């Protein structure tokens, strides 16, 4: 697939994440998915970058909406800005 962007499925992404959390080596994941080791590593990095960029953008939106100066108060337990201290997962968005 030289020169073409591979279409990754949600199942493949989940498999890569799950396997790495279990400590499975890159080459073993690659064998299971019949994809090159370097492609698996590259995809894992892309997944991580997406996770980080989503987390940062959510935090930035929250920071921008918070009061400033004397109106600002200390962060309360469960505040979205403290979420990253207790979890690697993105803050659960509330549904309208």
C-alpha atoms as a PDB file:
ATOM      1  CA  UNK A   1       0.000   0.000   0.000  1.00  0.00           C
ATOM      2  CA  UNK A   2       2.858   2.373  -0.725  1.00  0.00           C
ATOM      3  CA  UNK A   3       1.646   5.939  -1.065  1.00  0.00           C
ATOM      4  CA  UNK A   4      -1.858   5.147   0.199  1.00  0.00           C
ATOM      5  CA  UNK A   5      -3.299   5.880   3.628  1.00  0.00           C
ATOM      6  CA  UNK A   6      -4.555   2.705   5.302  1.00  0.00           C
ATOM      7  CA  UNK A   7      -8.099   2.744   6.646  1.00  0.00           C
ATOM      8  CA  UNK A   8      -7.982   1.546  10.249  1.00  0.00           C
ATOM      9  CA  UNK A   9     -11.072   0.110  11.894  1.00  0.00           C
ATOM     10  CA  UNK A  10     -12.217   0.811  15.442  1.00  0.00           C
ATOM     11  CA  UNK A  11     -11.747  -2.896  16.191  1.00  0.00           C
ATOM     12  CA  UNK A  12      -8.106  -2.800  15.074  1.00  0.00           C
ATOM     13  CA  UNK A  13      -7.481   0.324  17.156  1.00  0.00           C
ATOM     14  CA  UNK A  14      -9.081  -1.308  20.205  1.00  0.00           C
ATOM     15  CA  UNK A  15      -7.028  -4.475  19.651  1.00  0.00           C
ATOM     16  CA  UNK A  16      -3.767  -2.492  19.496  1.00  0.00           C
ATOM     17  CA  UNK A  17      -4.621  -0.556  22.668  1.00  0.00           C
ATOM     18  CA  UNK A  18      -5.733  -3.654  24.585  1.00  0.00           C
ATOM     19  CA  UNK A  19      -2.694  -5.680  23.572  1.00  0.00           C
ATOM     20  CA  UNK A  20      -0.248  -2.933  24.517  1.00  0.00           C
ATOM     21  CA  UNK A  21      -1.914  -2.459  27.907  1.00  0.00           C
ATOM     22  CA  UNK A  22      -1.377  -6.214  28.426  1.00  0.00           C
ATOM     23  CA  UNK A  23       2.308  -5.803  27.504  1.00  0.00           C
ATOM     24  CA  UNK A  24       2.157  -7.756  24.245  1.00  0.00           C
ATOM     25  CA  UNK A  25       5.109  -6.983  21.960  1.00  0.00           C
ATOM     26  CA  UNK A  26       4.665  -4.949  18.775  1.00  0.00           C
ATOM     27  CA  UNK A  27       5.685  -7.840  16.525  1.00  0.00           C
ATOM     28  CA  UNK A  28       3.092 -10.154  18.108  1.00  0.00           C
ATOM     29  CA  UNK A  29       0.311  -7.609  17.545  1.00  0.00           C
ATOM     30  CA  UNK A  30       1.509  -7.208  13.960  1.00  0.00           C
ATOM     31  CA  UNK A  31       1.370 -10.964  13.404  1.00  0.00           C
ATOM     32  CA  UNK A  32      -2.158 -11.164  14.820  1.00  0.00           C
ATOM     33  CA  UNK A  33      -3.401  -8.391  12.513  1.00  0.00           C
ATOM     34  CA  UNK A  34      -1.243  -9.426   9.516  1.00  0.00           C
ATOM     35  CA  UNK A  35       0.209  -5.922   9.322  1.00  0.00           C
ATOM     36  CA  UNK A  36       3.838  -4.791   9.542  1.00  0.00           C
ATOM     37  CA  UNK A  37       5.317  -4.032  12.947  1.00  0.00           C
ATOM     38  CA  UNK A  38       6.148  -0.466  11.900  1.00  0.00           C
ATOM     39  CA  UNK A  39       2.556   0.150  10.782  1.00  0.00           C
ATOM     40  CA  UNK A  40       1.287  -0.995  14.180  1.00  0.00           C
ATOM     41  CA  UNK A  41       3.727   1.279  16.013  1.00  0.00           C
ATOM     42  CA  UNK A  42       2.836   4.228  13.770  1.00  0.00           C
ATOM     43  CA  UNK A  43      -0.889   3.656  14.362  1.00  0.00           C
ATOM     44  CA  UNK A  44      -0.399   3.437  18.136  1.00  0.00           C
ATOM     45  CA  UNK A  45       1.350   6.817  18.029  1.00  0.00           C
ATOM     46  CA  UNK A  46      -1.504   8.284  15.967  1.00  0.00           C
ATOM     47  CA  UNK A  47      -4.069   6.986  18.460  1.00  0.00           C
ATOM     48  CA  UNK A  48      -2.098   8.536  21.335  1.00  0.00           C
ATOM     49  CA  UNK A  49      -1.792  11.883  19.545  1.00  0.00           C
ATOM     50  CA  UNK A  50      -5.545  11.958  18.900  1.00  0.00           C
ATOM     51  CA  UNK A  51      -6.197  11.180  22.555  1.00  0.00           C
ATOM     52  CA  UNK A  52      -3.848  13.934  23.706  1.00  0.00           C
ATOM     53  CA  UNK A  53      -5.176  16.546  21.277  1.00  0.00           C
ATOM     54  CA  UNK A  54      -8.786  15.796  22.256  1.00  0.00           C
ATOM     55  CA  UNK A  55      -7.911  16.007  25.944  1.00  0.00           C
ATOM     56  CA  UNK A  56      -6.072  19.316  25.510  1.00  0.00           C
ATOM     57  CA  UNK A  57      -8.828  20.894  23.440  1.00  0.00           C
ATOM     58  CA  UNK A  58     -11.446  19.868  26.014  1.00  0.00           C
ATOM     59  CA  UNK A  59      -9.328  21.317  28.835  1.00  0.00           C
ATOM     60  CA  UNK A  60      -8.731  24.535  26.911  1.00  0.00           C
ATOM     61  CA  UNK A  61     -12.476  24.986  26.386  1.00  0.00           C
ATOM     62  CA  UNK A  62     -13.079  24.468  30.090  1.00  0.00           C
ATOM     63  CA  UNK A  63     -10.296  26.872  31.101  1.00  0.00           C
ATOM     64  CA  UNK A  64     -11.597  29.587  28.770  1.00  0.00           C
ATOM     65  CA  UNK A  65     -15.086  29.326  30.276  1.00  0.00           C
ATOM     66  CA  UNK A  66     -13.937  29.534  33.925  1.00  0.00           C
ATOM     67  CA  UNK A  67     -14.261  32.812  35.870  1.00  0.00           C
ATOM     68  CA  UNK A  68     -11.115  34.893  36.405  1.00  0.00           C
ATOM     69  CA  UNK A  69      -9.767  36.941  39.307  1.00  0.00           C
ATOM     70  CA  UNK A  70     -11.805  37.263  42.507  1.00  0.00           C
ATOM     71  CA  UNK A  71     -14.693  35.315  40.946  1.00  0.00           C
ATOM     72  CA  UNK A  72     -12.502  32.243  40.445  1.00  0.00           C
ATOM     73  CA  UNK A  73     -12.725  29.496  43.052  1.00  0.00           C
ATOM     74  CA  UNK A  74     -10.641  26.433  43.892  1.00  0.00           C
ATOM     75  CA  UNK A  75     -11.218  23.344  41.783  1.00  0.00           C
ATOM     76  CA  UNK A  76     -13.805  21.042  43.280  1.00  0.00           C
ATOM     77  CA  UNK A  77     -13.479  17.230  43.370  1.00  0.00           C
ATOM     78  CA  UNK A  78     -14.485  15.753  40.030  1.00  0.00           C
ATOM     79  CA  UNK A  79     -13.654  18.945  38.132  1.00  0.00           C
ATOM     80  CA  UNK A  80     -12.745  18.170  34.484  1.00  0.00           C
ATOM     81  CA  UNK A  81      -9.352  19.868  34.932  1.00  0.00           C
ATOM     82  CA  UNK A  82      -8.355  17.377  37.635  1.00  0.00           C
ATOM     83  CA  UNK A  83      -9.503  14.329  35.662  1.00  0.00           C
ATOM     84  CA  UNK A  84      -6.097  13.699  34.036  1.00  0.00           C
ATOM     85  CA  UNK A  85      -4.554  13.310  37.495  1.00  0.00           C
ATOM     86  CA  UNK A  86      -6.637  10.215  38.191  1.00  0.00           C
ATOM     87  CA  UNK A  87      -7.249   8.726  34.724  1.00  0.00           C
ATOM     88  CA  UNK A  88      -5.590   8.276  31.329  1.00  0.00           C
ATOM     89  CA  UNK A  89      -9.037   8.256  29.724  1.00  0.00           C
ATOM     90  CA  UNK A  90     -10.574  11.473  28.338  1.00  0.00           C
ATOM     91  CA  UNK A  91     -13.037  13.280  30.583  1.00  0.00           C
ATOM     92  CA  UNK A  92     -16.538  11.865  30.029  1.00  0.00           C
ATOM     93  CA  UNK A  93     -18.510  14.462  28.101  1.00  0.00           C
ATOM     94  CA  UNK A  94     -22.023  15.128  29.317  1.00  0.00           C
ATOM     95  CA  UNK A  95     -24.762  14.335  26.827  1.00  0.00           C
ATOM     96  CA  UNK A  96     -27.422  16.970  26.124  1.00  0.00           C
END
